[in-house]
Amino acid sequence: MKAIVHDTYGPPEVLELRDIAKPCIGDDDVLIRVHAAGLDPSVWHLMTGLPYLVRMMFGLRKPKTPVRGWDVSGVVEAIGENVKDFRPGDEVFGSCRGAFAEYASARADRLMLKPANLTLEQAAAVTVSACTALQALHNTGNVQSGQHVLIIGAGGGVGTFAVQIAKAFGAKVTGVCSTTKTDLVRSIGADYAIDYSREDFADRRQRYDLILDMASNRSVSHLRRALTPRGTLVAVGGEGGGRWFGGLGESLVWLALSPFMRRKFRLLMASVRKEDLQTLKELIEAGKVRPVIDRTYPLSEVPEAIRSWERGHARGKVVITV
């Protein structure tokens, strides 16, 4: 089968389209004939091996799993002996290791039947970003109806889902994004959109019950200025920072201090869970959430797709079609 692989860490140039063996599946796994795959920040981190903390978990000198890609959608080709929820021919979406390939093996508990009102290309954009947004708002941020929520990075992959999910929970949403994305952020339901190049959200009179930070690269102390006296700040993913720990260094300090402060700080490292996929499917089929796709690329152009993503211009998600 064809797959995008790399034998060393580095820029997009280390990625190659090669013929490799089709993956084998275990008793609890599903073999998927991949139709499309989503591009998210974890792909970049595992490609570059940055921050270096990534290499402690995924391979010190080279990646343990050479095929990139987590978000996946496609058709079930085969199932393991213990799998009861799926059968060959089912259209599914979810998460796996090695989605940038013609076939991928995934754990059955990280898959869900595709929402009826999405194409397979649209479904490929959902899992990692939407699960992250849902967990940041609901599980970690405990969002409540009527609260004022600020979403920093509202025009990106996680941000576009976060705006819609927050609105579905009844929150009043303000999105922070670049000039070119303010119209998009309003169109998906944000009550207000702030162009970060023209205005500092922390200088406004409005204070927020919950802040989700995906892309500000601002200090935690600066972000906390925009919180209500008992508000919560959720940092998503630990982006930015140095080459060793990314943005985790400062975050871990604030995490340790948070129990002693009225304004709470939470650090989210999201995961894919079956119950969250079910919630997202219901929200999508109810018309409350939809994936925003900036552009699709064929499998052979994954390096160019990542270069485009690195430039930060994508409105929503970038999707790879197989």
C-alpha atoms as a PDB file:
ATOM      1  CA  MET A   1       0.000   0.000   0.000  1.00  0.00           C
ATOM      2  CA  LYS A   2       1.021   3.662  -0.390  1.00  0.00           C
ATOM      3  CA  ALA A   3       1.832   5.633   2.757  1.00  0.00           C
ATOM      4  CA  ILE A   4       3.579   8.815   3.908  1.00  0.00           C
ATOM      5  CA  VAL A   5       6.553   7.770   6.059  1.00  0.00           C
ATOM      6  CA  HIS A   6       9.711   9.241   7.553  1.00  0.00           C
ATOM      7  CA  ASP A   7      12.800   7.642   9.076  1.00  0.00           C
ATOM      8  CA  THR A   8      14.154  10.720  10.815  1.00  0.00           C
ATOM      9  CA  TYR A   9      12.837  13.850  12.510  1.00  0.00           C
ATOM     10  CA  GLY A  10      12.881  17.100  10.586  1.00  0.00           C
ATOM     11  CA  PRO A  11      10.981  19.496   8.282  1.00  0.00           C
ATOM     12  CA  PRO A  12       8.351  18.357   5.744  1.00  0.00           C
ATOM     13  CA  GLU A  13      11.133  17.310   3.362  1.00  0.00           C
ATOM     14  CA  VAL A  14      11.777  14.186   5.483  1.00  0.00           C
ATOM     15  CA  LEU A  15       8.364  12.805   4.471  1.00  0.00           C
ATOM     16  CA  GLU A  16       8.226  10.350   1.571  1.00  0.00           C
ATOM     17  CA  LEU A  17       5.467   8.518  -0.280  1.00  0.00           C
ATOM     18  CA  ARG A  18       6.433   4.820  -0.252  1.00  0.00           C
ATOM     19  CA  ASP A  19       5.050   1.329  -0.718  1.00  0.00           C
ATOM     20  CA  ILE A  20       4.857  -0.467   2.634  1.00  0.00           C
ATOM     21  CA  ALA A  21       3.087  -3.540   4.005  1.00  0.00           C
ATOM     22  CA  LYS A  22      -0.611  -3.312   4.852  1.00  0.00           C
ATOM     23  CA  PRO A  23      -1.042  -3.170   8.670  1.00  0.00           C
ATOM     24  CA  CYS A  24      -2.100  -6.252  10.602  1.00  0.00           C
ATOM     25  CA  ILE A  25      -4.923  -6.018  13.141  1.00  0.00           C
ATOM     26  CA  GLY A  26      -5.385  -7.519  16.587  1.00  0.00           C
ATOM     27  CA  ASP A  27      -8.508  -8.975  18.168  1.00  0.00           C
ATOM     28  CA  ASP A  28      -9.732  -5.528  19.312  1.00  0.00           C
ATOM     29  CA  ASP A  29      -8.819  -3.646  16.147  1.00  0.00           C
ATOM     30  CA  VAL A  30     -10.420  -2.564  12.886  1.00  0.00           C
ATOM     31  CA  LEU A  31      -8.702  -2.382   9.506  1.00  0.00           C
ATOM     32  CA  ILE A  32      -9.832   0.756   7.652  1.00  0.00           C
ATOM     33  CA  ARG A  33      -9.565   1.461   3.952  1.00  0.00           C
ATOM     34  CA  VAL A  34      -8.694   5.128   4.388  1.00  0.00           C
ATOM     35  CA  HIS A  35     -10.678   7.688   2.431  1.00  0.00           C
ATOM     36  CA  ALA A  36      -9.354  10.852   4.110  1.00  0.00           C
ATOM     37  CA  ALA A  37      -7.211  11.997   7.033  1.00  0.00           C
ATOM     38  CA  GLY A  38      -7.010  15.218   9.025  1.00  0.00           C
ATOM     39  CA  LEU A  39      -3.957  17.364   9.673  1.00  0.00           C
ATOM     40  CA  ASP A  40      -3.488  18.620  13.242  1.00  0.00           C
ATOM     41  CA  PRO A  41      -0.580  20.021  15.338  1.00  0.00           C
ATOM     42  CA  SER A  42       0.430  16.578  16.624  1.00  0.00           C
ATOM     43  CA  VAL A  43       1.448  15.625  13.073  1.00  0.00           C
ATOM     44  CA  TRP A  44       3.947  18.500  13.042  1.00  0.00           C
ATOM     45  CA  HIS A  45       5.272  17.639  16.513  1.00  0.00           C
ATOM     46  CA  LEU A  46       5.844  13.989  15.615  1.00  0.00           C
ATOM     47  CA  MET A  47       7.400  14.897  12.262  1.00  0.00           C
ATOM     48  CA  THR A  48       9.882  17.376  13.771  1.00  0.00           C
ATOM     49  CA  GLY A  49      10.350  15.656  17.142  1.00  0.00           C
ATOM     50  CA  LEU A  50       9.744  19.020  18.830  1.00  0.00           C
ATOM     51  CA  PRO A  51       9.638  19.785  21.626  1.00  0.00           C
ATOM     52  CA  TYR A  52      12.240  17.168  22.555  1.00  0.00           C
ATOM     53  CA  LEU A  53       9.867  15.818  25.187  1.00  0.00           C
ATOM     54  CA  VAL A  54       7.984  14.222  22.252  1.00  0.00           C
ATOM     55  CA  ARG A  55      10.971  11.968  21.546  1.00  0.00           C
ATOM     56  CA  MET A  56      10.829  10.516  25.043  1.00  0.00           C
ATOM     57  CA  MET A  57       7.444   9.022  24.174  1.00  0.00           C
ATOM     58  CA  PHE A  58       7.651   8.375  20.428  1.00  0.00           C
ATOM     59  CA  GLY A  59      11.315   7.520  19.744  1.00  0.00           C
ATOM     60  CA  LEU A  60      14.585   9.124  20.826  1.00  0.00           C
ATOM     61  CA  ARG A  61      16.579   8.900  17.589  1.00  0.00           C
ATOM     62  CA  LYS A  62      13.801   8.249  15.087  1.00  0.00           C
ATOM     63  CA  PRO A  63      10.011   7.816  15.210  1.00  0.00           C
ATOM     64  CA  LYS A  64       8.870   4.404  16.444  1.00  0.00           C
ATOM     65  CA  THR A  65       5.842   4.623  14.145  1.00  0.00           C
ATOM     66  CA  PRO A  66       7.038   5.941  10.760  1.00  0.00           C
ATOM     67  CA  VAL A  67       3.574   6.646   9.260  1.00  0.00           C
ATOM     68  CA  ARG A  68       2.025   9.965  10.290  1.00  0.00           C
ATOM     69  CA  GLY A  69      -1.598  10.973  10.786  1.00  0.00           C
ATOM     70  CA  TRP A  70      -4.208  10.524  13.566  1.00  0.00           C
ATOM     71  CA  ASP A  71      -7.576  11.736  12.238  1.00  0.00           C
ATOM     72  CA  VAL A  72      -9.077   9.146   9.929  1.00  0.00           C
ATOM     73  CA  SER A  73     -12.251   8.361   8.015  1.00  0.00           C
ATOM     74  CA  GLY A  74     -12.960   5.492   5.687  1.00  0.00           C
ATOM     75  CA  VAL A  75     -14.612   2.127   5.188  1.00  0.00           C
ATOM     76  CA  VAL A  76     -14.168  -0.910   7.426  1.00  0.00           C
ATOM     77  CA  GLU A  77     -12.194  -3.558   5.554  1.00  0.00           C
ATOM     78  CA  ALA A  78     -11.876  -6.170   8.313  1.00  0.00           C
ATOM     79  CA  ILE A  79     -12.500  -6.532  12.057  1.00  0.00           C
ATOM     80  CA  GLY A  80     -10.774  -8.326  14.918  1.00  0.00           C
ATOM     81  CA  GLU A  81     -12.350 -11.285  16.693  1.00  0.00           C
ATOM     82  CA  ASN A  82     -13.558  -9.213  19.672  1.00  0.00           C
ATOM     83  CA  VAL A  83     -15.053  -6.328  17.681  1.00  0.00           C
ATOM     84  CA  LYS A  84     -18.857  -6.239  17.885  1.00  0.00           C
ATOM     85  CA  ASP A  85     -19.784  -2.644  16.970  1.00  0.00           C
ATOM     86  CA  PHE A  86     -18.611  -2.643  13.342  1.00  0.00           C
ATOM     87  CA  ARG A  87     -18.732  -4.804  10.260  1.00  0.00           C
ATOM     88  CA  PRO A  88     -17.015  -4.672   6.866  1.00  0.00           C
ATOM     89  CA  GLY A  89     -18.480  -1.928   4.701  1.00  0.00           C
ATOM     90  CA  ASP A  90     -19.314   0.461   7.562  1.00  0.00           C
ATOM     91  CA  GLU A  91     -18.276   4.087   7.059  1.00  0.00           C
ATOM     92  CA  VAL A  92     -16.406   5.237  10.170  1.00  0.00           C
ATOM     93  CA  PHE A  93     -14.396   8.125  11.582  1.00  0.00           C
ATOM     94  CA  GLY A  94     -12.046   8.326  14.536  1.00  0.00           C
ATOM     95  CA  SER A  95      -8.391   8.115  15.457  1.00  0.00           C
ATOM     96  CA  CYS A  96      -5.558   5.744  14.587  1.00  0.00           C
ATOM     97  CA  ARG A  97      -1.794   5.634  14.186  1.00  0.00           C
ATOM     98  CA  GLY A  98      -0.788   6.057  10.568  1.00  0.00           C
ATOM     99  CA  ALA A  99      -3.757   7.691   8.817  1.00  0.00           C
ATOM    100  CA  PHE A 100      -1.657   9.036   5.932  1.00  0.00           C
ATOM    101  CA  ALA A 101      -1.889   5.711   4.117  1.00  0.00           C
ATOM    102  CA  GLU A 102      -4.245   3.626   1.995  1.00  0.00           C
ATOM    103  CA  TYR A 103      -5.015   1.364   4.963  1.00  0.00           C
ATOM    104  CA  ALA A 104      -4.803   1.917   8.715  1.00  0.00           C
ATOM    105  CA  SER A 105      -5.392  -0.145  11.848  1.00  0.00           C
ATOM    106  CA  ALA A 106      -7.396   1.469  14.651  1.00  0.00           C
ATOM    107  CA  ARG A 107      -8.686   0.394  18.039  1.00  0.00           C
ATOM    108  CA  ALA A 108     -12.423  -0.185  17.887  1.00  0.00           C
ATOM    109  CA  ASP A 109     -12.977   2.031  20.942  1.00  0.00           C
ATOM    110  CA  ARG A 110     -11.517   4.997  19.027  1.00  0.00           C
ATOM    111  CA  LEU A 111     -13.949   4.752  16.135  1.00  0.00           C
ATOM    112  CA  MET A 112     -17.569   5.733  15.552  1.00  0.00           C
ATOM    113  CA  LEU A 113     -19.985   5.313  12.666  1.00  0.00           C
ATOM    114  CA  LYS A 114     -19.798   8.379  10.422  1.00  0.00           C
ATOM    115  CA  PRO A 115     -22.476  11.051  10.997  1.00  0.00           C
ATOM    116  CA  ALA A 116     -25.128  10.669   8.328  1.00  0.00           C
ATOM    117  CA  ASN A 117     -24.923  14.327   7.275  1.00  0.00           C
ATOM    118  CA  LEU A 118     -21.150  14.422   6.668  1.00  0.00           C
ATOM    119  CA  THR A 119     -19.054  13.234   3.750  1.00  0.00           C
ATOM    120  CA  LEU A 120     -16.022  11.103   4.502  1.00  0.00           C
ATOM    121  CA  GLU A 121     -13.791  14.106   3.758  1.00  0.00           C
ATOM    122  CA  GLN A 122     -15.665  16.201   6.320  1.00  0.00           C
ATOM    123  CA  ALA A 123     -15.613  13.393   8.892  1.00  0.00           C
ATOM    124  CA  ALA A 124     -11.826  13.174   8.612  1.00  0.00           C
ATOM    125  CA  ALA A 125     -11.587  16.715  10.017  1.00  0.00           C
ATOM    126  CA  VAL A 126     -13.447  15.966  13.222  1.00  0.00           C
ATOM    127  CA  THR A 127     -11.812  13.632  15.722  1.00  0.00           C
ATOM    128  CA  VAL A 128      -8.660  15.139  17.253  1.00  0.00           C
ATOM    129  CA  SER A 129      -9.654  18.807  17.030  1.00  0.00           C
ATOM    130  CA  ALA A 130     -13.292  18.358  18.037  1.00  0.00           C
ATOM    131  CA  CYS A 131     -12.457  16.017  20.942  1.00  0.00           C
ATOM    132  CA  THR A 132      -9.908  18.564  22.144  1.00  0.00           C
ATOM    133  CA  ALA A 133     -12.469  21.384  21.981  1.00  0.00           C
ATOM    134  CA  LEU A 134     -15.138  19.313  23.732  1.00  0.00           C
ATOM    135  CA  GLN A 135     -12.826  18.210  26.541  1.00  0.00           C
ATOM    136  CA  ALA A 136     -11.463  21.736  27.025  1.00  0.00           C
ATOM    137  CA  LEU A 137     -14.939  23.232  27.339  1.00  0.00           C
ATOM    138  CA  HIS A 138     -16.938  20.512  29.049  1.00  0.00           C
ATOM    139  CA  ASN A 139     -14.645  18.138  30.942  1.00  0.00           C
ATOM    140  CA  THR A 140     -11.961  20.647  31.940  1.00  0.00           C
ATOM    141  CA  GLY A 141     -13.613  24.073  31.744  1.00  0.00           C
ATOM    142  CA  ASN A 142     -17.059  22.990  32.998  1.00  0.00           C
ATOM    143  CA  VAL A 143     -18.765  25.474  30.693  1.00  0.00           C
ATOM    144  CA  GLN A 144     -22.262  26.569  31.743  1.00  0.00           C
ATOM    145  CA  SER A 145     -25.126  28.130  29.833  1.00  0.00           C
ATOM    146  CA  GLY A 146     -24.978  31.926  29.942  1.00  0.00           C
ATOM    147  CA  GLN A 147     -21.247  32.119  30.702  1.00  0.00           C
ATOM    148  CA  HIS A 148     -18.950  34.403  28.740  1.00  0.00           C
ATOM    149  CA  VAL A 149     -16.325  32.308  26.945  1.00  0.00           C
ATOM    150  CA  LEU A 150     -13.215  33.619  25.176  1.00  0.00           C
ATOM    151  CA  ILE A 151     -11.623  31.345  22.563  1.00  0.00           C
ATOM    152  CA  ILE A 152      -8.121  32.329  21.463  1.00  0.00           C
ATOM    153  CA  GLY A 153      -7.272  30.820  18.102  1.00  0.00           C
ATOM    154  CA  ALA A 154     -10.946  30.661  17.134  1.00  0.00           C
ATOM    155  CA  GLY A 155     -10.251  30.398  13.404  1.00  0.00           C
ATOM    156  CA  GLY A 156      -8.086  27.279  13.610  1.00  0.00           C
ATOM    157  CA  GLY A 157      -8.833  23.573  13.703  1.00  0.00           C
ATOM    158  CA  VAL A 158      -9.670  23.312  17.408  1.00  0.00           C
ATOM    159  CA  GLY A 159     -11.009  26.858  17.608  1.00  0.00           C
ATOM    160  CA  THR A 160     -13.704  26.476  14.950  1.00  0.00           C
ATOM    161  CA  PHE A 161     -15.080  23.456  16.813  1.00  0.00           C
ATOM    162  CA  ALA A 162     -14.764  25.208  20.191  1.00  0.00           C
ATOM    163  CA  VAL A 163     -16.860  28.178  19.033  1.00  0.00           C
ATOM    164  CA  GLN A 164     -19.671  25.916  17.866  1.00  0.00           C
ATOM    165  CA  ILE A 165     -19.581  23.568  20.862  1.00  0.00           C
ATOM    166  CA  ALA A 166     -19.585  26.484  23.321  1.00  0.00           C
ATOM    167  CA  LYS A 167     -22.643  27.922  21.570  1.00  0.00           C
ATOM    168  CA  ALA A 168     -24.312  24.501  21.680  1.00  0.00           C
ATOM    169  CA  PHE A 169     -23.841  24.557  25.469  1.00  0.00           C
ATOM    170  CA  GLY A 170     -25.518  27.978  25.645  1.00  0.00           C
ATOM    171  CA  ALA A 171     -22.433  30.156  26.214  1.00  0.00           C
ATOM    172  CA  LYS A 172     -21.835  33.687  24.913  1.00  0.00           C
ATOM    173  CA  VAL A 173     -18.741  33.357  22.751  1.00  0.00           C
ATOM    174  CA  THR A 174     -15.989  35.787  21.802  1.00  0.00           C
ATOM    175  CA  GLY A 175     -13.395  34.518  19.331  1.00  0.00           C
ATOM    176  CA  VAL A 176      -9.859  35.881  18.953  1.00  0.00           C
ATOM    177  CA  CYS A 177      -8.281  35.371  15.537  1.00  0.00           C
ATOM    178  CA  SER A 178      -6.406  37.037  12.675  1.00  0.00           C
ATOM    179  CA  THR A 179      -7.907  39.701  10.408  1.00  0.00           C
ATOM    180  CA  THR A 180      -8.635  37.211   7.620  1.00  0.00           C
ATOM    181  CA  LYS A 181     -10.641  34.905   9.892  1.00  0.00           C
ATOM    182  CA  THR A 182     -12.990  37.269  11.738  1.00  0.00           C
ATOM    183  CA  ASP A 183     -15.766  36.758   9.182  1.00  0.00           C
ATOM    184  CA  LEU A 184     -15.434  32.977   9.482  1.00  0.00           C
ATOM    185  CA  VAL A 185     -15.554  33.085  13.290  1.00  0.00           C
ATOM    186  CA  ARG A 186     -18.762  35.136  13.230  1.00  0.00           C
ATOM    187  CA  SER A 187     -20.307  32.875  10.587  1.00  0.00           C
ATOM    188  CA  ILE A 188     -19.977  29.770  12.786  1.00  0.00           C
ATOM    189  CA  GLY A 189     -21.765  31.395  15.704  1.00  0.00           C
ATOM    190  CA  ALA A 190     -19.410  33.630  17.698  1.00  0.00           C
ATOM    191  CA  ASP A 191     -21.186  36.612  19.237  1.00  0.00           C
ATOM    192  CA  TYR A 192     -18.049  38.732  18.842  1.00  0.00           C
ATOM    193  CA  ALA A 193     -14.766  38.369  16.940  1.00  0.00           C
ATOM    194  CA  ILE A 194     -11.588  40.184  18.029  1.00  0.00           C
ATOM    195  CA  ASP A 195      -8.768  40.799  15.554  1.00  0.00           C
ATOM    196  CA  TYR A 196      -5.673  40.248  17.706  1.00  0.00           C
ATOM    197  CA  SER A 197      -3.560  42.489  15.438  1.00  0.00           C
ATOM    198  CA  ARG A 198      -5.769  45.465  16.288  1.00  0.00           C
ATOM    199  CA  GLU A 199      -6.944  44.877  19.842  1.00  0.00           C
ATOM    200  CA  ASP A 200      -5.706  43.189  23.019  1.00  0.00           C
ATOM    201  CA  PHE A 201      -8.586  41.243  24.548  1.00  0.00           C
ATOM    202  CA  ALA A 202      -7.073  41.708  28.026  1.00  0.00           C
ATOM    203  CA  ASP A 203      -7.511  45.490  27.720  1.00  0.00           C
ATOM    204  CA  ARG A 204     -11.275  45.271  27.201  1.00  0.00           C
ATOM    205  CA  ARG A 205     -13.748  45.922  29.992  1.00  0.00           C
ATOM    206  CA  GLN A 206     -15.390  42.558  29.322  1.00  0.00           C
ATOM    207  CA  ARG A 207     -14.163  39.744  31.579  1.00  0.00           C
ATOM    208  CA  TYR A 208     -14.695  36.060  30.847  1.00  0.00           C
ATOM    209  CA  ASP A 209     -15.800  33.099  32.940  1.00  0.00           C
ATOM    210  CA  LEU A 210     -13.799  30.699  30.787  1.00  0.00           C
ATOM    211  CA  ILE A 211     -10.853  31.239  28.444  1.00  0.00           C
ATOM    212  CA  LEU A 212      -9.542  28.608  26.034  1.00  0.00           C
ATOM    213  CA  ASP A 213      -6.056  29.393  24.780  1.00  0.00           C
ATOM    214  CA  MET A 214      -4.844  27.556  21.695  1.00  0.00           C
ATOM    215  CA  ALA A 215      -2.672  30.117  19.975  1.00  0.00           C
ATOM    216  CA  SER A 216      -1.910  33.311  21.890  1.00  0.00           C
ATOM    217  CA  ASN A 217       1.745  32.735  22.895  1.00  0.00           C
ATOM    218  CA  ARG A 218       1.045  35.200  25.704  1.00  0.00           C
ATOM    219  CA  SER A 219       2.030  34.657  29.321  1.00  0.00           C
ATOM    220  CA  VAL A 220      -0.445  33.062  31.694  1.00  0.00           C
ATOM    221  CA  SER A 221      -0.398  36.172  33.879  1.00  0.00           C
ATOM    222  CA  HIS A 222      -1.466  38.262  30.858  1.00  0.00           C
ATOM    223  CA  LEU A 223      -4.280  35.859  29.981  1.00  0.00           C
ATOM    224  CA  ARG A 224      -5.547  35.812  33.564  1.00  0.00           C
ATOM    225  CA  ARG A 225      -6.179  39.552  33.383  1.00  0.00           C
ATOM    226  CA  ALA A 226      -9.179  38.830  31.157  1.00  0.00           C
ATOM    227  CA  LEU A 227     -10.809  36.402  33.628  1.00  0.00           C
ATOM    228  CA  THR A 228     -13.617  37.103  36.058  1.00  0.00           C
ATOM    229  CA  PRO A 229     -12.548  36.832  39.739  1.00  0.00           C
ATOM    230  CA  ARG A 230     -13.445  33.127  39.765  1.00  0.00           C
ATOM    231  CA  GLY A 231     -12.885  32.376  36.111  1.00  0.00           C
ATOM    232  CA  THR A 232     -10.975  29.465  34.590  1.00  0.00           C
ATOM    233  CA  LEU A 233      -8.177  29.497  32.021  1.00  0.00           C
ATOM    234  CA  VAL A 234      -7.641  26.301  30.016  1.00  0.00           C
ATOM    235  CA  ALA A 235      -4.381  26.018  28.077  1.00  0.00           C
ATOM    236  CA  VAL A 236      -4.708  23.525  25.255  1.00  0.00           C
ATOM    237  CA  GLY A 237      -1.741  21.433  24.191  1.00  0.00           C
ATOM    238  CA  GLY A 238       1.207  23.459  25.493  1.00  0.00           C
ATOM    239  CA  GLU A 239       2.092  25.122  22.180  1.00  0.00           C
ATOM    240  CA  GLY A 240       4.951  27.606  21.875  1.00  0.00           C
ATOM    241  CA  GLY A 241       7.825  27.841  24.337  1.00  0.00           C
ATOM    242  CA  GLY A 242      11.272  26.270  24.038  1.00  0.00           C
ATOM    243  CA  ARG A 243      12.649  23.295  22.141  1.00  0.00           C
ATOM    244  CA  TRP A 244      12.755  21.026  25.199  1.00  0.00           C
ATOM    245  CA  PHE A 245       9.328  21.391  26.796  1.00  0.00           C
ATOM    246  CA  GLY A 246       7.369  23.630  24.418  1.00  0.00           C
ATOM    247  CA  GLY A 247       4.867  25.733  26.340  1.00  0.00           C
ATOM    248  CA  LEU A 248       4.658  23.297  29.244  1.00  0.00           C
ATOM    249  CA  GLY A 249       7.273  24.936  31.471  1.00  0.00           C
ATOM    250  CA  GLU A 250       5.294  28.012  32.529  1.00  0.00           C
ATOM    251  CA  SER A 251       2.037  26.040  32.413  1.00  0.00           C
ATOM    252  CA  LEU A 252       3.237  23.494  34.964  1.00  0.00           C
ATOM    253  CA  VAL A 253       4.204  26.259  37.387  1.00  0.00           C
ATOM    254  CA  TRP A 254       0.761  27.855  37.148  1.00  0.00           C
ATOM    255  CA  LEU A 255      -0.870  24.439  37.418  1.00  0.00           C
ATOM    256  CA  ALA A 256       0.883  23.891  40.752  1.00  0.00           C
ATOM    257  CA  LEU A 257      -0.212  27.327  42.025  1.00  0.00           C
ATOM    258  CA  SER A 258      -3.795  27.085  40.788  1.00  0.00           C
ATOM    259  CA  PRO A 259      -5.302  25.337  43.884  1.00  0.00           C
ATOM    260  CA  PHE A 260      -4.295  28.362  45.982  1.00  0.00           C
ATOM    261  CA  MET A 261      -5.890  30.954  43.681  1.00  0.00           C
ATOM    262  CA  ARG A 262      -9.450  32.052  42.963  1.00  0.00           C
ATOM    263  CA  ARG A 263      -8.810  32.189  39.220  1.00  0.00           C
ATOM    264  CA  LYS A 264      -8.190  28.614  38.128  1.00  0.00           C
ATOM    265  CA  PHE A 265      -5.645  27.361  35.617  1.00  0.00           C
ATOM    266  CA  ARG A 266      -6.060  24.049  33.808  1.00  0.00           C
ATOM    267  CA  LEU A 267      -3.754  22.319  31.324  1.00  0.00           C
ATOM    268  CA  LEU A 268      -5.404  19.991  28.826  1.00  0.00           C
ATOM    269  CA  MET A 269      -3.648  17.161  27.014  1.00  0.00           C
ATOM    270  CA  ALA A 270      -6.601  15.749  25.106  1.00  0.00           C
ATOM    271  CA  SER A 271      -7.281  12.136  24.184  1.00  0.00           C
ATOM    272  CA  VAL A 272      -9.826  10.377  21.983  1.00  0.00           C
ATOM    273  CA  ARG A 273     -12.633   8.658  23.882  1.00  0.00           C
ATOM    274  CA  LYS A 274     -15.639   6.738  22.613  1.00  0.00           C
ATOM    275  CA  GLU A 275     -18.135   8.747  24.666  1.00  0.00           C
ATOM    276  CA  ASP A 276     -16.808  12.015  23.237  1.00  0.00           C
ATOM    277  CA  LEU A 277     -17.075  10.694  19.677  1.00  0.00           C
ATOM    278  CA  GLN A 278     -20.698   9.784  20.415  1.00  0.00           C
ATOM    279  CA  THR A 279     -21.419  13.282  21.768  1.00  0.00           C
ATOM    280  CA  LEU A 280     -19.814  14.883  18.724  1.00  0.00           C
ATOM    281  CA  LYS A 281     -21.757  12.671  16.353  1.00  0.00           C
ATOM    282  CA  GLU A 282     -25.004  13.727  18.046  1.00  0.00           C
ATOM    283  CA  LEU A 283     -24.086  17.427  17.885  1.00  0.00           C
ATOM    284  CA  ILE A 284     -23.151  17.116  14.207  1.00  0.00           C
ATOM    285  CA  GLU A 285     -26.296  15.214  13.249  1.00  0.00           C
ATOM    286  CA  ALA A 286     -28.378  17.786  15.154  1.00  0.00           C
ATOM    287  CA  GLY A 287     -26.849  20.518  12.986  1.00  0.00           C
ATOM    288  CA  LYS A 288     -25.159  22.276  15.924  1.00  0.00           C
ATOM    289  CA  VAL A 289     -21.565  21.552  14.868  1.00  0.00           C
ATOM    290  CA  ARG A 290     -19.952  21.219  11.459  1.00  0.00           C
ATOM    291  CA  PRO A 291     -16.318  20.853  10.439  1.00  0.00           C
ATOM    292  CA  VAL A 292     -14.719  23.831   8.701  1.00  0.00           C
ATOM    293  CA  ILE A 293     -12.294  22.696   5.986  1.00  0.00           C
ATOM    294  CA  ASP A 294      -9.833  25.140   4.490  1.00  0.00           C
ATOM    295  CA  ARG A 295      -8.428  22.921   1.766  1.00  0.00           C
ATOM    296  CA  THR A 296      -7.861  19.291   0.773  1.00  0.00           C
ATOM    297  CA  TYR A 297      -4.612  17.813  -0.554  1.00  0.00           C
ATOM    298  CA  PRO A 298      -3.939  14.399  -2.125  1.00  0.00           C
ATOM    299  CA  LEU A 299      -1.769  11.924  -0.226  1.00  0.00           C
ATOM    300  CA  SER A 300       1.245  12.683  -2.422  1.00  0.00           C
ATOM    301  CA  GLU A 301       1.162  16.361  -1.349  1.00  0.00           C
ATOM    302  CA  VAL A 302       1.275  15.901   2.444  1.00  0.00           C
ATOM    303  CA  PRO A 303       4.594  17.826   2.717  1.00  0.00           C
ATOM    304  CA  GLU A 304       3.047  20.834   0.967  1.00  0.00           C
ATOM    305  CA  ALA A 305      -0.077  20.550   3.159  1.00  0.00           C
ATOM    306  CA  ILE A 306       2.105  20.755   6.271  1.00  0.00           C
ATOM    307  CA  ARG A 307       4.046  23.731   4.879  1.00  0.00           C
ATOM    308  CA  SER A 308       0.736  25.511   4.290  1.00  0.00           C
ATOM    309  CA  TRP A 309      -0.391  24.670   7.833  1.00  0.00           C
ATOM    310  CA  GLU A 310       2.917  25.973   9.237  1.00  0.00           C
ATOM    311  CA  ARG A 311       2.238  29.377   7.688  1.00  0.00           C
ATOM    312  CA  GLY A 312      -0.844  29.648   9.905  1.00  0.00           C
ATOM    313  CA  HIS A 313      -3.243  30.747   7.200  1.00  0.00           C
ATOM    314  CA  ALA A 314      -5.609  27.761   7.307  1.00  0.00           C
ATOM    315  CA  ARG A 315      -9.226  28.618   8.117  1.00  0.00           C
ATOM    316  CA  GLY A 316     -10.297  25.566  10.089  1.00  0.00           C
ATOM    317  CA  LYS A 317      -8.860  22.184   9.125  1.00  0.00           C
ATOM    318  CA  VAL A 318      -6.641  20.850   6.367  1.00  0.00           C
ATOM    319  CA  VAL A 319      -7.637  17.405   5.053  1.00  0.00           C
ATOM    320  CA  ILE A 320      -5.660  14.774   3.144  1.00  0.00           C
ATOM    321  CA  THR A 321      -7.593  12.668   0.629  1.00  0.00           C
ATOM    322  CA  VAL A 322      -6.397   9.133  -0.081  1.00  0.00           C
END
